[in-house]
Amino acid sequence: MNSENLLTKEVYADANFLISYWLPKHEDYEQARLRFFELIENNSQITLSPLVIDESWYKIYKIGRTIL
């Protein structure tokens, strides 16, 4: 799918997106992977803040143990 006209060139990724992308058993895993690869195809700049990274790792540690 060519989504170049639909996606912006700069995207701020939040913790929910990263958690969904990093945990294969997450209910939104496939959707997150699809969106991530669409962003790459669109040459979008994916921006992360230190807080988003911290929140993501914390949640992955907390919920990841229960669904992995």
C-alpha atoms as a PDB file:
ATOM      1  CA  MET A   1       0.000   0.000   0.000  1.00  0.00           C
ATOM      2  CA  ASN A   2       1.392   3.372  -0.945  1.00  0.00           C
ATOM      3  CA  SER A   3       0.359   5.587   1.938  1.00  0.00           C
ATOM      4  CA  GLU A   4       2.750   8.448   1.214  1.00  0.00           C
ATOM      5  CA  ASN A   5      -0.081  10.944   0.923  1.00  0.00           C
ATOM      6  CA  LEU A   6      -1.715   9.776   4.150  1.00  0.00           C
ATOM      7  CA  LEU A   7       1.214   9.733   6.583  1.00  0.00           C
ATOM      8  CA  THR A   8       3.184  12.672   7.876  1.00  0.00           C
ATOM      9  CA  LYS A   9       6.953  12.829   7.608  1.00  0.00           C
ATOM     10  CA  GLU A  10       7.479  13.291  11.361  1.00  0.00           C
ATOM     11  CA  VAL A  11       5.730  10.976  13.808  1.00  0.00           C
ATOM     12  CA  TYR A  12       5.875  11.000  17.598  1.00  0.00           C
ATOM     13  CA  ALA A  13       5.608   7.393  18.814  1.00  0.00           C
ATOM     14  CA  ASP A  14       4.028   6.886  22.219  1.00  0.00           C
ATOM     15  CA  ALA A  15       4.555   4.122  24.758  1.00  0.00           C
ATOM     16  CA  ASN A  16       1.419   2.208  23.739  1.00  0.00           C
ATOM     17  CA  PHE A  17       2.667   1.922  20.171  1.00  0.00           C
ATOM     18  CA  LEU A  18       6.117   0.713  21.237  1.00  0.00           C
ATOM     19  CA  ILE A  19       4.709  -1.828  23.690  1.00  0.00           C
ATOM     20  CA  SER A  20       2.376  -3.205  21.032  1.00  0.00           C
ATOM     21  CA  TYR A  21       5.249  -3.413  18.554  1.00  0.00           C
ATOM     22  CA  TRP A  22       7.738  -5.062  20.921  1.00  0.00           C
ATOM     23  CA  LEU A  23       5.479  -7.722  22.474  1.00  0.00           C
ATOM     24  CA  PRO A  24       4.565 -10.407  19.895  1.00  0.00           C
ATOM     25  CA  LYS A  25       1.674 -11.686  22.033  1.00  0.00           C
ATOM     26  CA  HIS A  26       0.146  -8.224  22.455  1.00  0.00           C
ATOM     27  CA  GLU A  27      -3.346  -7.977  20.938  1.00  0.00           C
ATOM     28  CA  ASP A  28      -2.267  -5.021  18.749  1.00  0.00           C
ATOM     29  CA  TYR A  29       1.096  -6.481  17.697  1.00  0.00           C
ATOM     30  CA  GLU A  30       0.228  -7.078  14.031  1.00  0.00           C
ATOM     31  CA  GLN A  31      -1.407  -3.666  13.656  1.00  0.00           C
ATOM     32  CA  ALA A  32       1.618  -1.946  15.235  1.00  0.00           C
ATOM     33  CA  ARG A  33       4.002  -3.817  12.917  1.00  0.00           C
ATOM     34  CA  LEU A  34       1.935  -2.827   9.896  1.00  0.00           C
ATOM     35  CA  ARG A  35       1.925   0.849  10.914  1.00  0.00           C
ATOM     36  CA  PHE A  36       5.666   0.798  11.686  1.00  0.00           C
ATOM     37  CA  PHE A  37       6.537  -0.571   8.252  1.00  0.00           C
ATOM     38  CA  GLU A  38       4.182   1.930   6.591  1.00  0.00           C
ATOM     39  CA  LEU A  39       6.081   4.706   8.365  1.00  0.00           C
ATOM     40  CA  ILE A  40       9.396   3.300   7.154  1.00  0.00           C
ATOM     41  CA  GLU A  41       8.064   2.998   3.616  1.00  0.00           C
ATOM     42  CA  ASN A  42       6.934   6.620   3.832  1.00  0.00           C
ATOM     43  CA  ASN A  43      10.401   7.719   5.051  1.00  0.00           C
ATOM     44  CA  SER A  44       8.803   9.201   8.157  1.00  0.00           C
ATOM     45  CA  GLN A  45      10.997  10.334  11.012  1.00  0.00           C
ATOM     46  CA  ILE A  46       9.953   8.415  14.126  1.00  0.00           C
ATOM     47  CA  THR A  47      10.544  10.512  17.232  1.00  0.00           C
ATOM     48  CA  LEU A  48      10.816   9.150  20.766  1.00  0.00           C
ATOM     49  CA  SER A  49      11.182  11.015  24.030  1.00  0.00           C
ATOM     50  CA  PRO A  50      13.166   9.695  27.005  1.00  0.00           C
ATOM     51  CA  LEU A  51       9.891   9.486  28.956  1.00  0.00           C
ATOM     52  CA  VAL A  52       8.295   7.287  26.265  1.00  0.00           C
ATOM     53  CA  ILE A  53      11.273   4.929  26.371  1.00  0.00           C
ATOM     54  CA  ASP A  54      11.137   4.796  30.180  1.00  0.00           C
ATOM     55  CA  GLU A  55       7.375   4.139  30.206  1.00  0.00           C
ATOM     56  CA  SER A  56       7.718   1.465  27.533  1.00  0.00           C
ATOM     57  CA  TRP A  57      10.440  -0.492  29.307  1.00  0.00           C
ATOM     58  CA  TYR A  58       8.569  -0.284  32.605  1.00  0.00           C
ATOM     59  CA  LYS A  59       5.340  -1.589  31.080  1.00  0.00           C
ATOM     60  CA  ILE A  60       7.129  -4.307  29.136  1.00  0.00           C
ATOM     61  CA  TYR A  61       8.748  -5.433  32.384  1.00  0.00           C
ATOM     62  CA  LYS A  62       5.411  -5.364  34.253  1.00  0.00           C
ATOM     63  CA  ILE A  63       3.022  -6.855  31.671  1.00  0.00           C
ATOM     64  CA  GLY A  64       5.531  -8.666  29.522  1.00  0.00           C
ATOM     65  CA  ARG A  65       6.086 -11.282  32.212  1.00  0.00           C
ATOM     66  CA  THR A  66       2.380 -12.161  32.183  1.00  0.00           C
ATOM     67  CA  ILE A  67       1.887 -12.516  28.419  1.00  0.00           C
ATOM     68  CA  LEU A  68       5.220 -13.925  27.281  1.00  0.00           C
END
